[in-house]
Protein backbone atom coordinates (compact mmCIF):
# COMPACT_ATOMS: atom_id res chain seq x y z
CA MET A 1 -29.71 -25.16 -13.91
CA LEU A 2 -29.88 -24.29 -10.21
CA TYR A 3 -27.88 -26.08 -7.56
CA ASN A 4 -26.95 -25.51 -3.94
CA THR A 5 -23.41 -24.65 -2.83
CA GLY A 6 -24.09 -24.21 0.86
CA THR A 7 -24.71 -20.53 1.56
CA PHE A 8 -26.09 -19.55 -1.82
CA VAL A 9 -28.07 -21.03 -4.66
CA VAL A 10 -26.05 -20.63 -7.82
CA GLN A 11 -27.21 -20.59 -11.41
CA SER A 12 -25.20 -21.94 -14.31
CA GLY A 13 -24.92 -19.34 -17.06
CA ALA A 14 -23.80 -19.46 -20.67
CA GLY A 15 -21.02 -21.94 -21.24
CA GLY A 16 -21.55 -23.44 -17.80
CA LYS A 17 -20.17 -20.39 -15.95
CA THR A 18 -21.40 -20.39 -12.37
CA GLN A 19 -22.87 -17.14 -11.17
CA THR A 20 -23.80 -15.53 -7.85
CA SER A 21 -27.18 -15.90 -6.21
CA PRO A 22 -30.31 -13.96 -7.10
CA PHE A 23 -30.33 -10.39 -5.76
CA GLY A 24 -33.06 -11.30 -3.26
CA ALA A 25 -30.98 -14.11 -1.73
CA LEU A 26 -28.00 -11.79 -1.22
CA LYS A 27 -30.26 -9.20 0.42
CA SER A 28 -31.56 -11.82 2.87
CA CYS A 29 -27.99 -12.94 3.57
CA ALA A 30 -26.91 -9.44 4.62
CA ALA A 31 -30.10 -8.54 6.51
CA LYS A 32 -29.93 -11.81 8.47
CA MET A 33 -26.90 -10.57 10.37
CA VAL A 34 -29.11 -8.04 12.21
CA GLY A 35 -32.13 -10.33 12.36
CA GLY A 36 -33.88 -8.42 9.61
CA GLU A 37 -34.11 -10.95 6.80
CA ASN A 38 -37.93 -10.65 6.91
CA GLN A 39 -38.09 -6.89 7.50
CA THR A 40 -38.57 -4.50 4.60
CA TYR A 41 -36.38 -1.81 6.17
CA TYR A 42 -33.31 -3.99 6.59
CA LEU A 43 -33.80 -5.69 3.25
CA GLY A 44 -33.78 -2.22 1.70
CA LEU A 45 -30.51 -1.35 3.46
CA ALA A 46 -29.06 -4.66 2.33
CA ALA A 47 -30.03 -3.89 -1.27
CA ASP A 48 -28.28 -0.51 -1.07
CA GLY A 49 -25.20 -2.16 0.41
CA ILE A 50 -25.01 -4.82 -2.29
CA LEU A 51 -25.31 -2.21 -5.05
CA LYS A 52 -22.57 -0.11 -3.43
CA GLY A 53 -20.46 -3.24 -3.12
CA ILE A 54 -20.82 -3.88 -6.86
CA ASP A 55 -19.72 -0.29 -7.52
CA VAL A 56 -16.67 -0.79 -5.29
CA VAL A 57 -15.64 -3.94 -7.15
CA ASN A 58 -16.15 -2.16 -10.48
CA MET A 59 -14.16 0.88 -9.37
CA LYS A 60 -11.32 -1.25 -8.09
CA HIS A 61 -11.32 -2.78 -11.55
CA LEU A 62 -10.16 -6.09 -10.15
CA PHE A 63 -12.73 -8.40 -11.64
CA ARG A 64 -10.92 -9.53 -14.76
CA PHE A 65 -11.72 -13.14 -13.94
CA GLY A 66 -14.87 -14.00 -15.87
CA SER A 67 -15.55 -10.46 -17.05
CA GLU A 68 -13.76 -10.07 -20.37
CA GLN A 69 -15.76 -10.02 -23.58
CA GLY A 70 -14.46 -10.28 -27.12
CA SER A 71 -16.34 -8.75 -30.03
CA ASP A 72 -15.36 -9.32 -33.67
CA LEU A 73 -16.03 -6.48 -36.10
CA THR A 74 -15.80 -6.52 -39.89
CA ILE A 75 -13.02 -4.29 -41.18
CA VAL A 76 -14.20 -1.96 -43.92
CA GLU A 77 -11.71 -0.58 -46.42
CA GLY A 78 -11.20 3.13 -45.88
CA THR A 79 -12.99 3.13 -42.49
CA ASP A 80 -10.81 3.85 -39.47
CA GLU A 81 -13.50 4.35 -36.79
CA TYR A 82 -15.30 1.49 -35.00
CA THR A 83 -17.77 1.30 -32.11
CA VAL A 84 -16.79 -0.54 -28.91
CA PRO A 85 -19.15 -3.22 -27.50
CA ASP A 86 -22.09 -2.17 -25.34
CA GLY A 87 -21.32 -2.32 -21.64
CA THR A 88 -17.58 -1.80 -22.07
CA PHE A 89 -15.88 -0.54 -18.93
CA ALA A 90 -12.38 -0.45 -20.41
CA ILE A 91 -10.70 -1.89 -23.49
CA HIS A 92 -8.17 -4.62 -22.77
CA GLU A 93 -6.73 -5.07 -26.26
CA VAL A 94 -7.46 -4.66 -29.97
CA GLN A 95 -6.26 -7.34 -32.38
CA LEU A 96 -6.34 -8.36 -36.03
CA ILE A 97 -7.65 -11.92 -36.42
CA ASP A 98 -6.96 -13.97 -39.54
CA ALA A 99 -9.25 -16.39 -41.39
CA GLU A 100 -8.17 -19.25 -39.12
CA ASP A 101 -9.22 -17.30 -36.00
CA LYS A 102 -5.60 -16.75 -34.99
CA VAL A 103 -4.09 -13.49 -33.86
CA TYR A 104 -2.17 -11.85 -36.67
CA ARG A 105 -1.31 -8.68 -34.78
CA THR A 106 -2.09 -7.04 -31.44
CA LEU A 107 -2.48 -3.34 -32.16
CA GLU A 108 -0.45 -0.94 -30.08
CA TYR A 109 -2.37 1.66 -28.07
CA VAL A 110 -1.34 5.28 -28.61
CA PRO A 111 -2.68 8.07 -26.33
CA TRP A 112 -4.85 10.62 -28.11
CA GLY A 113 -2.52 13.54 -27.44
CA GLN A 114 0.49 11.64 -28.77
CA PHE A 115 -1.44 10.47 -31.81
CA ASN A 116 -2.29 14.04 -32.75
CA THR A 117 1.42 14.79 -33.12
CA LEU A 118 1.91 11.94 -35.62
CA GLU A 119 1.15 13.30 -39.06
CA ASN A 120 2.11 10.25 -41.13
CA PRO A 121 -0.20 7.56 -39.69
CA GLN A 122 -3.25 9.80 -39.98
CA THR A 123 -3.00 9.80 -43.74
CA ALA A 124 -1.42 6.40 -44.33
CA GLU A 125 -3.31 3.38 -45.69
CA GLY A 126 -2.44 -0.25 -45.05
CA VAL A 127 -2.83 -2.96 -42.43
CA PRO A 128 -3.58 -1.28 -39.07
CA GLU A 129 -0.82 -1.28 -36.48
CA PHE A 130 -2.22 0.76 -33.59
CA TRP A 131 -5.43 2.13 -32.11
CA VAL A 132 -6.47 5.29 -30.31
CA SER A 133 -9.54 6.53 -28.46
CA ARG A 134 -10.37 10.13 -27.64
CA ASN A 135 -13.21 9.35 -25.22
CA GLY A 136 -14.45 5.77 -25.22
CA PHE A 137 -17.00 6.50 -22.49
CA ASP A 138 -18.59 9.31 -24.47
CA ASP A 139 -18.47 8.57 -28.18
CA ARG A 140 -18.05 4.78 -27.81
CA ASN A 141 -15.54 4.73 -30.66
CA ILE A 142 -11.95 3.79 -31.32
CA ARG A 143 -9.86 4.61 -34.37
CA ILE A 144 -7.31 2.31 -36.00
CA TYR A 145 -4.30 3.31 -38.09
CA PRO A 146 -3.10 3.09 -40.77
CA GLU A 147 -6.52 3.40 -42.35
CA PRO A 148 -7.48 -0.13 -43.50
CA ASN A 149 -6.76 -0.92 -47.14
CA ASP A 150 -8.25 -3.69 -49.27
CA ILE A 151 -5.79 -6.26 -47.92
CA ALA A 152 -6.76 -5.54 -44.29
CA ALA A 153 -10.46 -5.68 -45.16
CA SER A 154 -10.21 -8.97 -47.05
CA LYS A 155 -7.85 -10.87 -44.75
CA TYR A 156 -8.58 -9.77 -41.20
CA THR A 157 -11.27 -9.17 -38.59
CA LEU A 158 -11.02 -6.59 -35.82
CA ARG A 159 -11.38 -8.12 -32.34
CA ILE A 160 -11.96 -5.79 -29.40
CA THR A 161 -11.53 -7.46 -26.01
CA SER A 162 -13.13 -5.43 -23.24
CA TYR A 163 -13.55 -5.44 -19.51
CA MET A 164 -17.26 -5.39 -18.74
CA ARG A 165 -18.96 -3.82 -15.73
CA ILE A 166 -20.72 -6.10 -13.29
CA ALA A 167 -24.28 -4.93 -13.89
CA ARG A 168 -26.44 -3.70 -11.00
CA PRO A 169 -29.52 -5.90 -10.44
CA THR A 170 -32.98 -4.39 -10.02
CA LEU A 171 -35.30 -7.33 -9.31
CA ASP A 172 -34.94 -9.89 -6.53
CA THR A 173 -34.85 -12.60 -9.18
CA ASP A 174 -31.98 -10.97 -11.11
CA ILE A 175 -28.82 -13.07 -11.19
CA ILE A 176 -25.64 -11.01 -10.80
CA ASP A 177 -23.50 -11.97 -13.76
CA ALA A 178 -20.25 -12.63 -11.93
CA PRO A 179 -18.38 -15.64 -10.56
CA ARG A 180 -20.20 -17.26 -7.63
CA GLU A 181 -17.43 -16.38 -5.14
CA LEU A 182 -18.45 -12.74 -5.41
CA GLY A 183 -21.81 -13.49 -3.73
CA GLU A 184 -20.33 -13.91 -0.26
CA ILE A 185 -18.12 -10.86 -0.77
CA LEU A 186 -21.09 -8.67 -1.67
CA CYS A 187 -23.01 -10.01 1.31
CA THR A 188 -20.12 -9.04 3.59
CA TYR A 189 -19.95 -5.55 2.13
CA ALA A 190 -23.70 -5.11 2.68
CA GLU A 191 -23.25 -6.28 6.28
CA TYR A 192 -20.59 -3.61 6.71
CA TYR A 193 -22.90 -1.02 5.16
CA ILE A 194 -25.81 -1.88 7.48
CA THR A 195 -23.60 -2.12 10.58
CA ARG A 196 -22.04 1.24 9.88
CA LEU A 197 -25.42 2.93 9.53
CA ARG A 198 -26.63 1.34 12.79
CA ASN A 199 -23.46 1.96 14.78
CA LYS A 200 -22.07 5.28 13.61
CA ASN A 201 -20.55 5.96 17.03
CA ASN A 202 -19.03 2.52 17.42
CA PRO A 203 -16.51 1.99 14.62
CA THR A 204 -15.24 -1.23 16.21
CA LEU A 205 -18.42 -3.00 15.11
CA TYR A 206 -18.47 -1.95 11.48
CA LEU A 207 -14.74 -1.88 10.83
CA GLU A 208 -14.57 -5.60 11.57
CA ARG A 209 -16.95 -6.24 8.65
CA LYS A 210 -14.97 -3.83 6.47
CA ARG A 211 -11.77 -5.77 7.19
CA ALA A 212 -13.57 -8.99 6.37
CA PHE A 213 -14.67 -7.54 3.03
CA ASP A 214 -11.16 -6.34 2.17
CA GLU A 215 -9.68 -9.72 3.01
CA GLN A 216 -12.30 -11.64 1.03
CA LEU A 217 -11.86 -9.42 -2.01
CA ALA A 218 -8.08 -9.69 -1.80
CA ASP A 219 -8.30 -13.48 -1.60
CA TYR A 220 -10.76 -13.54 -4.51
CA VAL A 221 -8.54 -11.47 -6.78
CA HIS A 222 -5.42 -13.35 -5.68
CA SER A 223 -7.05 -16.64 -6.63
CA THR A 224 -7.54 -15.42 -10.21
CA GLU A 225 -3.98 -14.25 -10.79
CA ARG A 226 -1.28 -16.56 -12.07
CA GLU A 227 2.36 -15.93 -12.91
CA PRO A 228 4.71 -18.08 -15.02
CA THR A 229 7.74 -19.66 -13.37
CA GLU A 230 11.07 -20.47 -14.98
CA THR A 231 9.76 -23.97 -15.72
CA LEU A 232 6.74 -22.45 -17.49
CA GLN A 233 4.41 -23.64 -14.76
CA TRP A 234 1.84 -21.23 -13.37
CA VAL A 235 1.70 -20.17 -9.74
CA LEU A 236 -0.36 -17.73 -7.68
CA ALA A 237 0.76 -14.13 -7.95
CA PRO A 238 1.96 -12.28 -4.82
CA THR A 239 -0.86 -11.32 -2.46
CA THR A 240 -2.35 -7.89 -3.12
CA ASN A 241 -2.71 -5.43 -0.25
CA PHE A 242 -5.96 -3.51 -0.38
CA SER A 243 -5.35 -1.25 2.61
CA GLY A 244 -6.20 2.36 1.98
CA GLN A 245 -8.41 1.68 -0.99
CA PHE A 246 -11.30 3.96 -1.89
CA ASP A 247 -14.36 3.59 0.34
CA PRO A 248 -17.50 5.35 -0.99
CA LEU A 249 -19.03 5.49 2.50
CA ARG A 250 -16.35 7.79 3.87
């Protein structure tokens, strides 16, 4: 379903999650600032800026809201190695899930170097208690220990909850799979990108757009963070300061 939210047209995704505009609409948004929404050159710059903006958000790793994915894997007796879900950026947690879909145990993460000094768990069999990964980006695997026995295989499922990258679009019709608020933020970053290329000797012009991007991203992340109070109510977390963060254009 498509519906209008003012600046952008938003599409409802799986489970009713609202997503950002098509890639082409975001390009036009950014190019419009310099009067180039109908010019191939500026639309191309806007596309580059939006893609770089997605990379910045991914690198900041601040997009937990709406970007976690859980994958359930069958535990096999005697098998301690399992493949992480496609598209995983980082693993959030690994859990054992019982037959009623409730968490039986959250496995403890152990760094690879530390794990190699533990002789016992590498040979032990039983219900897994911790997990380790040597290079999740490369081999796409994690290992769980103790090695699963028949009880673990018959009673539990392995659930890997991962942070997923926001994928880069390629076609103008591609919908960026992220919360709709990110659309305006990406547009602002692309405006900064275009302005900086056009005004290399006038930082006042492009730094204003950079500040706007930083503030929008900070507000976006802040709006997704909640902290418990003493009365068990949830409140906004303290505001995050993004000053001095990595800028790939520098």
